[in-house]
Amino acid sequence: MVVPKKKAEPVRRRLLEKGILRKGLKVKADSKSVYLPVTQRIDLGYPVEKSEFEELEEQVGDYRTLTDVPDELRPLLPSSYDTVGSVAIVKMSEEVMEYAQHIGKAIMAVQKSIRTVCVDFGIEDRIRRRNIRVVAGDKNTETVHKEYGLTFKLDVSKVFFSPRLASEREIVAKAVRPGEVVVDMFAGIGPFSIMIAKMSSPKAVYAIDVNPDAIRYMNENIALNKTDVVRPVLGDSREVLASIEPADRVVMNLPHEAHKYVDVAIDHLRPGGVMHFYDVLEEPGIDARLEEISALARSRGRTMKELARRKVKSYSPTLNVYGFDLAFF
């Protein structure tokens, strides 16, 4: 795939997320373009041409080949993990937990940029903190994560951040029109808000979160990325929305809980406003959830129109995180 140099990194990430970037081959570049090896054709708006690529020197890429565990437990080793800056966050079963330190050291051995490995025991409270334990490397869990040219400072033990939503954040940011008022109802450290501010030209982005540590890091990230139109608001969205001007667009990235806030989000949207709504669902439950939202809108004298739906990522063997773009008139 032939991509302009300025677009190469976000396109490379999209290809990686979709699993079609050809690994083991050296990326080529000239004065204007970057040539990314792909395993199949995909329409991202850039041409796909035949080309010869050099093979990379063989490296150990799978930490599992370096992990010393009994053979019967090897199938239970985590097949993937999240990388947030220099921190790896891993979920693992009880069966392999006693080997957590070995797993952590193996991850650091194959991914040299990782200095800390944590086991993730899930979200522990309403302010969305991960319950984590450092099992290898530096005990400091503060790091700096970069995506799409943006810089985010955070402590993975104090705030929630998902690197797997980078493409989704770009999709939402590109949908914002100049001069819009945007409300990010569960903003965390500000990744949606800051990307919207940087990529579009909104009038204001009100970034709400109930976690004081998230607001503290958000303020730092606003300064790091020079996005002064982002306005942090500490509090619960249900309680603070009334003090914020009506919105042209709301972002509701709190998949397990967002449906509980749909009523106040609809009330806060101007006619024709758009809701970016996220939920964890089994595929057969999608239509029922959308009908529930549509009925809630009708009860408030509004009508809903579905603009788009996306499967954002897998959550479990039967559940997925879905994103919905919904307009209300």
C-alpha atoms as a PDB file:
ATOM      1  CA  MET A   1       0.000   0.000   0.000  1.00  0.00           C
ATOM      2  CA  VAL A   2       1.414   3.395  -1.026  1.00  0.00           C
ATOM      3  CA  VAL A   3       0.752   6.069   1.597  1.00  0.00           C
ATOM      4  CA  PRO A   4       1.913   9.726   1.887  1.00  0.00           C
ATOM      5  CA  LYS A   5       4.569  10.063   4.573  1.00  0.00           C
ATOM      6  CA  LYS A   6       2.359  12.238   6.820  1.00  0.00           C
ATOM      7  CA  LYS A   7      -0.327   9.548   6.854  1.00  0.00           C
ATOM      8  CA  ALA A   8       1.945   6.515   7.175  1.00  0.00           C
ATOM      9  CA  GLU A   9       1.813   5.979  10.947  1.00  0.00           C
ATOM     10  CA  PRO A  10      -2.001   6.096  11.392  1.00  0.00           C
ATOM     11  CA  VAL A  11      -2.439   3.860   8.333  1.00  0.00           C
ATOM     12  CA  ARG A  12       0.163   1.419   9.674  1.00  0.00           C
ATOM     13  CA  ARG A  13      -1.793   1.245  12.950  1.00  0.00           C
ATOM     14  CA  ARG A  14      -5.066   0.643  11.097  1.00  0.00           C
ATOM     15  CA  LEU A  15      -3.466  -2.207   9.130  1.00  0.00           C
ATOM     16  CA  LEU A  16      -2.044  -3.729  12.319  1.00  0.00           C
ATOM     17  CA  GLU A  17      -5.426  -3.550  14.062  1.00  0.00           C
ATOM     18  CA  LYS A  18      -7.084  -5.253  11.090  1.00  0.00           C
ATOM     19  CA  GLY A  19      -4.360  -7.926  11.020  1.00  0.00           C
ATOM     20  CA  ILE A  20      -3.337  -7.366   7.390  1.00  0.00           C
ATOM     21  CA  LEU A  21       0.055  -5.669   7.744  1.00  0.00           C
ATOM     22  CA  ARG A  22       2.611  -8.168   6.473  1.00  0.00           C
ATOM     23  CA  LYS A  23       5.092  -8.773   9.257  1.00  0.00           C
ATOM     24  CA  GLY A  24       8.656  -9.883   8.651  1.00  0.00           C
ATOM     25  CA  LEU A  25       9.177  -7.465   5.749  1.00  0.00           C
ATOM     26  CA  LYS A  26      11.025  -4.146   5.854  1.00  0.00           C
ATOM     27  CA  VAL A  27       8.883  -1.062   5.161  1.00  0.00           C
ATOM     28  CA  LYS A  28      10.181   1.042   2.229  1.00  0.00           C
ATOM     29  CA  ALA A  29      10.030   4.804   1.722  1.00  0.00           C
ATOM     30  CA  ASP A  30      11.039   7.481  -0.746  1.00  0.00           C
ATOM     31  CA  SER A  31      10.892  11.278  -0.551  1.00  0.00           C
ATOM     32  CA  LYS A  32       7.077  11.402  -0.707  1.00  0.00           C
ATOM     33  CA  SER A  33       5.608   8.010   0.140  1.00  0.00           C
ATOM     34  CA  VAL A  34       5.854   5.041   2.482  1.00  0.00           C
ATOM     35  CA  TYR A  35       5.262   1.530   1.094  1.00  0.00           C
ATOM     36  CA  LEU A  36       3.524  -0.777   3.565  1.00  0.00           C
ATOM     37  CA  PRO A  37       3.470  -4.537   2.829  1.00  0.00           C
ATOM     38  CA  VAL A  38      -0.045  -5.971   3.159  1.00  0.00           C
ATOM     39  CA  THR A  39      -1.447  -9.495   3.033  1.00  0.00           C
ATOM     40  CA  GLN A  40      -4.575  -8.556   1.083  1.00  0.00           C
ATOM     41  CA  ARG A  41      -6.251  -5.642  -0.674  1.00  0.00           C
ATOM     42  CA  ILE A  42      -8.212  -3.196   1.493  1.00  0.00           C
ATOM     43  CA  ASP A  43      -9.840   0.102   0.616  1.00  0.00           C
ATOM     44  CA  LEU A  44      -8.406   2.804   2.868  1.00  0.00           C
ATOM     45  CA  GLY A  45      -8.272   5.377   0.082  1.00  0.00           C
ATOM     46  CA  TYR A  46      -4.690   4.596  -0.965  1.00  0.00           C
ATOM     47  CA  PRO A  47      -3.409   2.598  -3.960  1.00  0.00           C
ATOM     48  CA  VAL A  48      -2.121  -0.952  -3.627  1.00  0.00           C
ATOM     49  CA  GLU A  49       0.778  -1.844  -5.940  1.00  0.00           C
ATOM     50  CA  LYS A  50       3.033  -4.854  -6.431  1.00  0.00           C
ATOM     51  CA  SER A  51       6.507  -4.334  -4.984  1.00  0.00           C
ATOM     52  CA  GLU A  52       9.537  -6.245  -3.696  1.00  0.00           C
ATOM     53  CA  PHE A  53      10.362  -5.990   0.020  1.00  0.00           C
ATOM     54  CA  GLU A  54      13.429  -7.051   1.973  1.00  0.00           C
ATOM     55  CA  GLU A  55      12.935  -9.609   4.720  1.00  0.00           C
ATOM     56  CA  LEU A  56      13.703  -8.493   8.264  1.00  0.00           C
ATOM     57  CA  GLU A  57      16.234 -10.444  10.259  1.00  0.00           C
ATOM     58  CA  GLU A  58      14.445 -13.182  12.166  1.00  0.00           C
ATOM     59  CA  GLN A  59      13.597 -12.134  15.695  1.00  0.00           C
ATOM     60  CA  VAL A  60      11.756 -13.743  18.580  1.00  0.00           C
ATOM     61  CA  GLY A  61       8.366 -12.010  18.440  1.00  0.00           C
ATOM     62  CA  ASP A  62       6.238 -14.223  20.673  1.00  0.00           C
ATOM     63  CA  TYR A  63       7.051 -14.032  24.370  1.00  0.00           C
ATOM     64  CA  ARG A  64       5.536 -17.490  24.858  1.00  0.00           C
ATOM     65  CA  THR A  65       8.545 -19.126  23.209  1.00  0.00           C
ATOM     66  CA  LEU A  66      10.686 -17.771  26.074  1.00  0.00           C
ATOM     67  CA  THR A  67       8.303 -18.566  28.934  1.00  0.00           C
ATOM     68  CA  ASP A  68       9.217 -21.530  31.126  1.00  0.00           C
ATOM     69  CA  VAL A  69       5.937 -23.147  32.184  1.00  0.00           C
ATOM     70  CA  PRO A  70       4.739 -26.775  32.252  1.00  0.00           C
ATOM     71  CA  ASP A  71       3.611 -27.988  28.828  1.00  0.00           C
ATOM     72  CA  GLU A  72       0.043 -28.538  29.995  1.00  0.00           C
ATOM     73  CA  LEU A  73      -0.228 -24.828  30.928  1.00  0.00           C
ATOM     74  CA  ARG A  74       1.273 -23.436  27.728  1.00  0.00           C
ATOM     75  CA  PRO A  75      -2.125 -23.206  25.946  1.00  0.00           C
ATOM     76  CA  LEU A  76      -3.330 -20.999  28.832  1.00  0.00           C
ATOM     77  CA  LEU A  77      -0.629 -18.354  28.391  1.00  0.00           C
ATOM     78  CA  PRO A  78      -2.155 -14.980  27.374  1.00  0.00           C
ATOM     79  CA  SER A  79      -2.164 -14.645  23.592  1.00  0.00           C
ATOM     80  CA  SER A  80      -2.155 -10.834  23.694  1.00  0.00           C
ATOM     81  CA  TYR A  81      -1.733  -7.866  26.014  1.00  0.00           C
ATOM     82  CA  ASP A  82      -2.148  -4.091  25.931  1.00  0.00           C
ATOM     83  CA  THR A  83       0.857  -1.825  25.545  1.00  0.00           C
ATOM     84  CA  VAL A  84       0.420   1.637  27.056  1.00  0.00           C
ATOM     85  CA  GLY A  85       3.599   3.605  26.527  1.00  0.00           C
ATOM     86  CA  SER A  86       6.316   1.599  28.274  1.00  0.00           C
ATOM     87  CA  VAL A  87       3.843  -0.490  30.307  1.00  0.00           C
ATOM     88  CA  ALA A  88       2.405  -3.879  29.304  1.00  0.00           C
ATOM     89  CA  ILE A  89      -0.957  -4.783  30.861  1.00  0.00           C
ATOM     90  CA  VAL A  90      -1.759  -8.496  30.840  1.00  0.00           C
ATOM     91  CA  LYS A  91      -4.823 -10.497  31.851  1.00  0.00           C
ATOM     92  CA  MET A  92      -4.091 -14.077  32.850  1.00  0.00           C
ATOM     93  CA  SER A  93      -5.948 -17.043  34.294  1.00  0.00           C
ATOM     94  CA  GLU A  94      -5.484 -18.331  37.827  1.00  0.00           C
ATOM     95  CA  GLU A  95      -3.765 -21.446  36.441  1.00  0.00           C
ATOM     96  CA  VAL A  96      -0.748 -19.463  35.186  1.00  0.00           C
ATOM     97  CA  MET A  97      -0.719 -16.720  37.826  1.00  0.00           C
ATOM     98  CA  GLU A  98       2.163 -18.309  39.748  1.00  0.00           C
ATOM     99  CA  TYR A  99       4.276 -17.845  36.594  1.00  0.00           C
ATOM    100  CA  ALA A 100       3.371 -14.150  36.246  1.00  0.00           C
ATOM    101  CA  GLN A 101       6.922 -12.968  36.874  1.00  0.00           C
ATOM    102  CA  HIS A 102       8.312 -15.343  34.221  1.00  0.00           C
ATOM    103  CA  ILE A 103       5.660 -14.145  31.778  1.00  0.00           C
ATOM    104  CA  GLY A 104       6.490 -10.517  32.508  1.00  0.00           C
ATOM    105  CA  LYS A 105      10.217 -11.017  31.999  1.00  0.00           C
ATOM    106  CA  ALA A 106       9.568 -12.835  28.723  1.00  0.00           C
ATOM    107  CA  ILE A 107       7.414  -9.951  27.471  1.00  0.00           C
ATOM    108  CA  MET A 108      10.166  -7.481  28.320  1.00  0.00           C
ATOM    109  CA  ALA A 109      12.716  -9.681  26.542  1.00  0.00           C
ATOM    110  CA  VAL A 110      10.829  -9.616  23.222  1.00  0.00           C
ATOM    111  CA  GLN A 111       9.556  -6.023  23.441  1.00  0.00           C
ATOM    112  CA  LYS A 112      12.497  -3.842  24.411  1.00  0.00           C
ATOM    113  CA  SER A 113      10.400  -0.682  24.846  1.00  0.00           C
ATOM    114  CA  ILE A 114       8.526  -2.251  27.791  1.00  0.00           C
ATOM    115  CA  ARG A 115       9.953  -1.408  31.210  1.00  0.00           C
ATOM    116  CA  THR A 116       6.994  -2.469  33.389  1.00  0.00           C
ATOM    117  CA  VAL A 117       4.632  -5.449  33.174  1.00  0.00           C
ATOM    118  CA  CYS A 118       1.367  -5.492  35.163  1.00  0.00           C
ATOM    119  CA  VAL A 119      -1.306  -8.106  35.679  1.00  0.00           C
ATOM    120  CA  ASP A 120      -4.803  -6.676  35.195  1.00  0.00           C
ATOM    121  CA  PHE A 121      -7.468  -7.871  37.655  1.00  0.00           C
ATOM    122  CA  GLY A 122     -10.226  -5.688  36.184  1.00  0.00           C
ATOM    123  CA  ILE A 123     -11.886  -2.348  36.921  1.00  0.00           C
ATOM    124  CA  GLU A 124     -12.403  -1.983  40.647  1.00  0.00           C
ATOM    125  CA  ASP A 125     -14.689   1.017  41.259  1.00  0.00           C
ATOM    126  CA  ARG A 126     -16.912   3.701  39.739  1.00  0.00           C
ATOM    127  CA  ILE A 127     -13.993   5.970  38.909  1.00  0.00           C
ATOM    128  CA  ARG A 128     -12.626   3.322  36.517  1.00  0.00           C
ATOM    129  CA  ARG A 129      -9.295   2.421  38.059  1.00  0.00           C
ATOM    130  CA  ARG A 130      -7.610  -0.794  36.980  1.00  0.00           C
ATOM    131  CA  ASN A 131      -6.772  -3.176  39.804  1.00  0.00           C
ATOM    132  CA  ILE A 132      -3.233  -4.060  38.753  1.00  0.00           C
ATOM    133  CA  ARG A 133      -0.109  -5.648  40.193  1.00  0.00           C
ATOM    134  CA  VAL A 134       3.398  -5.079  38.859  1.00  0.00           C
ATOM    135  CA  VAL A 135       5.030  -8.458  38.215  1.00  0.00           C
ATOM    136  CA  ALA A 136       8.186  -7.491  36.311  1.00  0.00           C
ATOM    137  CA  GLY A 137      10.374  -4.472  35.674  1.00  0.00           C
ATOM    138  CA  ASP A 138      10.110  -0.966  37.082  1.00  0.00           C
ATOM    139  CA  LYS A 139       7.529  -0.476  39.850  1.00  0.00           C
ATOM    140  CA  ASN A 140       6.636   2.983  38.502  1.00  0.00           C
ATOM    141  CA  THR A 141       3.327   2.716  36.588  1.00  0.00           C
ATOM    142  CA  GLU A 142       3.319   6.260  35.189  1.00  0.00           C
ATOM    143  CA  THR A 143       4.106   6.409  31.489  1.00  0.00           C
ATOM    144  CA  VAL A 144       3.700   8.422  28.280  1.00  0.00           C
ATOM    145  CA  HIS A 145       1.677   6.927  25.434  1.00  0.00           C
ATOM    146  CA  LYS A 146       1.668   8.254  21.864  1.00  0.00           C
ATOM    147  CA  GLU A 147      -0.890   7.766  19.094  1.00  0.00           C
ATOM    148  CA  TYR A 148      -1.594   9.677  15.887  1.00  0.00           C
ATOM    149  CA  GLY A 149       1.017  12.270  16.845  1.00  0.00           C
ATOM    150  CA  LEU A 150      -0.636  12.966  20.211  1.00  0.00           C
ATOM    151  CA  THR A 151       0.983  12.535  23.637  1.00  0.00           C
ATOM    152  CA  PHE A 152      -0.866  11.178  26.672  1.00  0.00           C
ATOM    153  CA  LYS A 153       0.642  11.048  30.149  1.00  0.00           C
ATOM    154  CA  LEU A 154      -1.021   8.709  32.647  1.00  0.00           C
ATOM    155  CA  ASP A 155      -0.592   6.286  35.516  1.00  0.00           C
ATOM    156  CA  VAL A 156      -2.183   2.954  34.589  1.00  0.00           C
ATOM    157  CA  SER A 157      -2.870   2.215  38.269  1.00  0.00           C
ATOM    158  CA  LYS A 158      -4.907   5.414  38.744  1.00  0.00           C
ATOM    159  CA  VAL A 159      -6.809   5.932  35.483  1.00  0.00           C
ATOM    160  CA  PHE A 160      -8.311   3.806  32.708  1.00  0.00           C
ATOM    161  CA  PHE A 161      -6.995   4.054  29.145  1.00  0.00           C
ATOM    162  CA  SER A 162      -7.407   1.657  26.216  1.00  0.00           C
ATOM    163  CA  PRO A 163      -4.872   1.802  23.369  1.00  0.00           C
ATOM    164  CA  ARG A 164      -7.219  -0.416  21.319  1.00  0.00           C
ATOM    165  CA  LEU A 165      -9.555   2.500  20.627  1.00  0.00           C
ATOM    166  CA  ALA A 166      -7.079   4.602  18.633  1.00  0.00           C
ATOM    167  CA  SER A 167      -8.866   4.040  15.311  1.00  0.00           C
ATOM    168  CA  GLU A 168     -12.266   4.624  16.905  1.00  0.00           C
ATOM    169  CA  ARG A 169     -11.082   7.934  18.319  1.00  0.00           C
ATOM    170  CA  GLU A 170      -9.936   8.963  14.843  1.00  0.00           C
ATOM    171  CA  ILE A 171     -13.324   8.027  13.319  1.00  0.00           C
ATOM    172  CA  VAL A 172     -15.189  10.173  15.846  1.00  0.00           C
ATOM    173  CA  ALA A 173     -12.755  13.092  15.568  1.00  0.00           C
ATOM    174  CA  LYS A 174     -13.105  13.187  11.781  1.00  0.00           C
ATOM    175  CA  ALA A 175     -16.901  13.311  12.101  1.00  0.00           C
ATOM    176  CA  VAL A 176     -16.821  16.549  14.107  1.00  0.00           C
ATOM    177  CA  ARG A 177     -17.646  19.680  12.117  1.00  0.00           C
ATOM    178  CA  PRO A 178     -16.063  23.118  12.616  1.00  0.00           C
ATOM    179  CA  GLY A 179     -17.697  25.140  15.349  1.00  0.00           C
ATOM    180  CA  GLU A 180     -19.446  22.255  17.093  1.00  0.00           C
ATOM    181  CA  VAL A 181     -19.889  21.993  20.849  1.00  0.00           C
ATOM    182  CA  VAL A 182     -18.871  18.485  21.928  1.00  0.00           C
ATOM    183  CA  VAL A 183     -19.434  16.822  25.294  1.00  0.00           C
ATOM    184  CA  ASP A 184     -17.246  13.822  26.180  1.00  0.00           C
ATOM    185  CA  MET A 185     -19.298  12.337  29.005  1.00  0.00           C
ATOM    186  CA  PHE A 186     -16.733   9.815  30.309  1.00  0.00           C
ATOM    187  CA  ALA A 187     -13.514  11.434  29.182  1.00  0.00           C
ATOM    188  CA  GLY A 188     -10.807   9.761  31.281  1.00  0.00           C
ATOM    189  CA  ILE A 189      -7.446  11.398  30.579  1.00  0.00           C
ATOM    190  CA  GLY A 190      -8.910  13.018  27.456  1.00  0.00           C
ATOM    191  CA  PRO A 191      -7.970  10.861  24.423  1.00  0.00           C
ATOM    192  CA  PHE A 192     -11.279  11.370  22.555  1.00  0.00           C
ATOM    193  CA  SER A 193     -11.506  15.040  23.550  1.00  0.00           C
ATOM    194  CA  ILE A 194      -7.930  15.919  22.685  1.00  0.00           C
ATOM    195  CA  MET A 195      -7.998  14.094  19.338  1.00  0.00           C
ATOM    196  CA  ILE A 196     -11.238  15.905  18.438  1.00  0.00           C
ATOM    197  CA  ALA A 197      -9.679  19.238  19.381  1.00  0.00           C
ATOM    198  CA  LYS A 198      -6.514  18.501  17.408  1.00  0.00           C
ATOM    199  CA  MET A 199      -8.041  17.027  14.249  1.00  0.00           C
ATOM    200  CA  SER A 200     -11.191  19.160  13.933  1.00  0.00           C
ATOM    201  CA  SER A 201     -12.095  22.754  14.796  1.00  0.00           C
ATOM    202  CA  PRO A 202     -14.753  22.538  17.526  1.00  0.00           C
ATOM    203  CA  LYS A 203     -15.964  25.577  19.413  1.00  0.00           C
ATOM    204  CA  ALA A 204     -15.467  23.709  22.689  1.00  0.00           C
ATOM    205  CA  VAL A 205     -15.044  20.171  24.004  1.00  0.00           C
ATOM    206  CA  TYR A 206     -16.353  19.646  27.534  1.00  0.00           C
ATOM    207  CA  ALA A 207     -14.494  16.624  28.953  1.00  0.00           C
ATOM    208  CA  ILE A 208     -16.251  15.192  32.017  1.00  0.00           C
ATOM    209  CA  ASP A 209     -14.902  12.563  34.378  1.00  0.00           C
ATOM    210  CA  VAL A 210     -15.602  11.534  37.961  1.00  0.00           C
ATOM    211  CA  ASN A 211     -11.981  10.528  38.673  1.00  0.00           C
ATOM    212  CA  PRO A 212      -9.845  13.403  40.060  1.00  0.00           C
ATOM    213  CA  ASP A 213      -6.644  11.695  38.870  1.00  0.00           C
ATOM    214  CA  ALA A 214      -8.050  11.499  35.336  1.00  0.00           C
ATOM    215  CA  ILE A 215      -8.815  15.221  35.401  1.00  0.00           C
ATOM    216  CA  ARG A 216      -5.311  15.962  36.691  1.00  0.00           C
ATOM    217  CA  TYR A 217      -3.691  14.006  33.862  1.00  0.00           C
ATOM    218  CA  MET A 218      -6.158  15.471  31.369  1.00  0.00           C
ATOM    219  CA  ASN A 219      -4.984  18.971  32.287  1.00  0.00           C
ATOM    220  CA  GLU A 220      -1.383  17.892  31.681  1.00  0.00           C
ATOM    221  CA  ASN A 221      -2.329  16.316  28.361  1.00  0.00           C
ATOM    222  CA  ILE A 222      -4.181  19.440  27.221  1.00  0.00           C
ATOM    223  CA  ALA A 223      -0.969  21.387  27.817  1.00  0.00           C
ATOM    224  CA  LEU A 224       1.221  18.747  26.146  1.00  0.00           C
ATOM    225  CA  ASN A 225      -0.955  18.728  23.011  1.00  0.00           C
ATOM    226  CA  LYS A 226      -1.825  22.446  23.009  1.00  0.00           C
ATOM    227  CA  THR A 227      -5.590  21.853  22.857  1.00  0.00           C
ATOM    228  CA  ASP A 228      -7.031  24.729  24.869  1.00  0.00           C
ATOM    229  CA  VAL A 229     -10.601  24.250  23.584  1.00  0.00           C
ATOM    230  CA  VAL A 230     -10.837  21.140  25.791  1.00  0.00           C
ATOM    231  CA  ARG A 231     -12.455  22.103  29.090  1.00  0.00           C
ATOM    232  CA  PRO A 232     -12.108  19.530  31.900  1.00  0.00           C
ATOM    233  CA  VAL A 233     -15.113  19.059  34.194  1.00  0.00           C
ATOM    234  CA  LEU A 234     -14.850  16.998  37.379  1.00  0.00           C
ATOM    235  CA  GLY A 235     -18.046  15.193  38.297  1.00  0.00           C
ATOM    236  CA  ASP A 236     -20.702  12.709  37.233  1.00  0.00           C
ATOM    237  CA  SER A 237     -22.237  13.511  33.830  1.00  0.00           C
ATOM    238  CA  ARG A 238     -25.774  13.088  35.127  1.00  0.00           C
ATOM    239  CA  GLU A 239     -25.118  15.800  37.711  1.00  0.00           C
ATOM    240  CA  VAL A 240     -22.998  18.305  35.772  1.00  0.00           C
ATOM    241  CA  LEU A 241     -24.538  18.335  32.266  1.00  0.00           C
ATOM    242  CA  ALA A 242     -27.085  20.948  33.328  1.00  0.00           C
ATOM    243  CA  SER A 243     -24.249  23.443  33.872  1.00  0.00           C
ATOM    244  CA  ILE A 244     -22.849  22.951  30.338  1.00  0.00           C
ATOM    245  CA  GLU A 245     -24.174  24.554  27.155  1.00  0.00           C
ATOM    246  CA  PRO A 246     -26.253  22.320  24.813  1.00  0.00           C
ATOM    247  CA  ALA A 247     -24.179  20.042  22.602  1.00  0.00           C
ATOM    248  CA  ASP A 248     -24.041  19.266  18.903  1.00  0.00           C
ATOM    249  CA  ARG A 249     -22.383  15.958  19.703  1.00  0.00           C
ATOM    250  CA  VAL A 250     -21.854  13.716  22.734  1.00  0.00           C
ATOM    251  CA  VAL A 251     -19.334  10.896  23.159  1.00  0.00           C
ATOM    252  CA  MET A 252     -20.403   8.062  25.487  1.00  0.00           C
ATOM    253  CA  ASN A 253     -17.410   5.736  25.814  1.00  0.00           C
ATOM    254  CA  LEU A 254     -18.382   3.776  28.917  1.00  0.00           C
ATOM    255  CA  PRO A 255     -19.583   0.502  27.380  1.00  0.00           C
ATOM    256  CA  HIS A 256     -20.978  -1.231  30.479  1.00  0.00           C
ATOM    257  CA  GLU A 257     -22.715   1.846  31.896  1.00  0.00           C
ATOM    258  CA  ALA A 258     -23.402   4.298  29.037  1.00  0.00           C
ATOM    259  CA  HIS A 259     -26.972   3.043  28.483  1.00  0.00           C
ATOM    260  CA  LYS A 260     -27.862   4.346  31.953  1.00  0.00           C
ATOM    261  CA  TYR A 261     -27.037   7.908  30.818  1.00  0.00           C
ATOM    262  CA  VAL A 262     -28.818   7.964  27.450  1.00  0.00           C
ATOM    263  CA  ASP A 263     -31.761   9.992  28.809  1.00  0.00           C
ATOM    264  CA  VAL A 264     -29.648  12.941  29.957  1.00  0.00           C
ATOM    265  CA  ALA A 265     -27.532  12.741  26.789  1.00  0.00           C
ATOM    266  CA  ILE A 266     -30.620  12.997  24.553  1.00  0.00           C
ATOM    267  CA  ASP A 267     -31.937  15.938  26.587  1.00  0.00           C
ATOM    268  CA  HIS A 268     -28.600  17.726  26.234  1.00  0.00           C
ATOM    269  CA  LEU A 269     -28.324  17.357  22.447  1.00  0.00           C
ATOM    270  CA  ARG A 270     -29.511  20.096  20.126  1.00  0.00           C
ATOM    271  CA  PRO A 271     -31.961  19.014  17.377  1.00  0.00           C
ATOM    272  CA  GLY A 272     -29.957  17.066  14.811  1.00  0.00           C
ATOM    273  CA  GLY A 273     -27.214  16.377  17.351  1.00  0.00           C
ATOM    274  CA  VAL A 274     -25.202  13.161  17.214  1.00  0.00           C
ATOM    275  CA  MET A 275     -24.486  10.614  19.942  1.00  0.00           C
ATOM    276  CA  HIS A 276     -21.454   8.315  19.712  1.00  0.00           C
ATOM    277  CA  PHE A 277     -22.686   5.497  21.928  1.00  0.00           C
ATOM    278  CA  TYR A 278     -20.715   2.396  22.998  1.00  0.00           C
ATOM    279  CA  ASP A 279     -22.078  -0.811  24.474  1.00  0.00           C
ATOM    280  CA  VAL A 280     -21.009  -4.394  25.234  1.00  0.00           C
ATOM    281  CA  LEU A 281     -23.502  -6.709  23.551  1.00  0.00           C
ATOM    282  CA  GLU A 282     -24.096 -10.054  21.981  1.00  0.00           C
ATOM    283  CA  GLU A 283     -24.883  -9.501  18.308  1.00  0.00           C
ATOM    284  CA  PRO A 284     -28.536 -10.641  18.646  1.00  0.00           C
ATOM    285  CA  GLY A 285     -29.072  -7.975  21.315  1.00  0.00           C
ATOM    286  CA  ILE A 286     -28.130  -5.001  19.128  1.00  0.00           C
ATOM    287  CA  ASP A 287     -31.582  -4.281  17.685  1.00  0.00           C
ATOM    288  CA  ALA A 288     -33.213  -4.516  21.116  1.00  0.00           C
ATOM    289  CA  ARG A 289     -30.760  -1.968  22.552  1.00  0.00           C
ATOM    290  CA  LEU A 290     -31.323   0.437  19.674  1.00  0.00           C
ATOM    291  CA  GLU A 291     -35.091   0.101  19.975  1.00  0.00           C
ATOM    292  CA  GLU A 292     -34.769   0.836  23.695  1.00  0.00           C
ATOM    293  CA  ILE A 293     -32.895   4.063  22.909  1.00  0.00           C
ATOM    294  CA  SER A 294     -35.355   4.986  20.151  1.00  0.00           C
ATOM    295  CA  ALA A 295     -38.310   4.465  22.506  1.00  0.00           C
ATOM    296  CA  LEU A 296     -36.614   6.626  25.139  1.00  0.00           C
ATOM    297  CA  ALA A 297     -36.161   9.365  22.529  1.00  0.00           C
ATOM    298  CA  ARG A 298     -39.841   9.160  21.500  1.00  0.00           C
ATOM    299  CA  SER A 299     -40.883   9.489  25.134  1.00  0.00           C
ATOM    300  CA  ARG A 300     -39.021  12.803  25.184  1.00  0.00           C
ATOM    301  CA  GLY A 301     -40.549  14.053  21.944  1.00  0.00           C
ATOM    302  CA  ARG A 302     -37.476  13.220  19.868  1.00  0.00           C
ATOM    303  CA  THR A 303     -36.825  10.853  16.973  1.00  0.00           C
ATOM    304  CA  MET A 304     -33.659   8.779  16.537  1.00  0.00           C
ATOM    305  CA  LYS A 305     -31.877   7.933  13.300  1.00  0.00           C
ATOM    306  CA  GLU A 306     -29.056   5.382  13.170  1.00  0.00           C
ATOM    307  CA  LEU A 307     -26.162   6.775  11.122  1.00  0.00           C
ATOM    308  CA  ALA A 308     -23.628   3.966  11.555  1.00  0.00           C
ATOM    309  CA  ARG A 309     -22.678   0.951  13.647  1.00  0.00           C
ATOM    310  CA  ARG A 310     -19.259  -0.630  14.114  1.00  0.00           C
ATOM    311  CA  LYS A 311     -17.850  -3.676  15.857  1.00  0.00           C
ATOM    312  CA  VAL A 312     -15.044  -1.968  17.760  1.00  0.00           C
ATOM    313  CA  LYS A 313     -13.372  -4.946  19.449  1.00  0.00           C
ATOM    314  CA  SER A 314     -14.033  -8.345  20.969  1.00  0.00           C
ATOM    315  CA  TYR A 315     -14.783  -8.499  24.687  1.00  0.00           C
ATOM    316  CA  SER A 316     -15.364 -12.220  25.255  1.00  0.00           C
ATOM    317  CA  PRO A 317     -16.193 -15.278  23.119  1.00  0.00           C
ATOM    318  CA  THR A 318     -19.832 -14.118  22.836  1.00  0.00           C
ATOM    319  CA  LEU A 319     -19.657 -10.364  23.568  1.00  0.00           C
ATOM    320  CA  ASN A 320     -18.285  -7.476  21.512  1.00  0.00           C
ATOM    321  CA  VAL A 321     -17.904  -3.746  22.041  1.00  0.00           C
ATOM    322  CA  TYR A 322     -20.024  -1.941  19.440  1.00  0.00           C
ATOM    323  CA  GLY A 323     -20.027   1.726  18.499  1.00  0.00           C
ATOM    324  CA  PHE A 324     -23.209   3.431  17.274  1.00  0.00           C
ATOM    325  CA  ASP A 325     -23.551   6.885  15.690  1.00  0.00           C
ATOM    326  CA  LEU A 326     -27.088   8.057  16.426  1.00  0.00           C
ATOM    327  CA  ALA A 327     -28.742  11.355  15.443  1.00  0.00           C
ATOM    328  CA  PHE A 328     -31.657  12.863  17.390  1.00  0.00           C
ATOM    329  CA  PHE A 329     -34.183  15.274  15.921  1.00  0.00           C
END
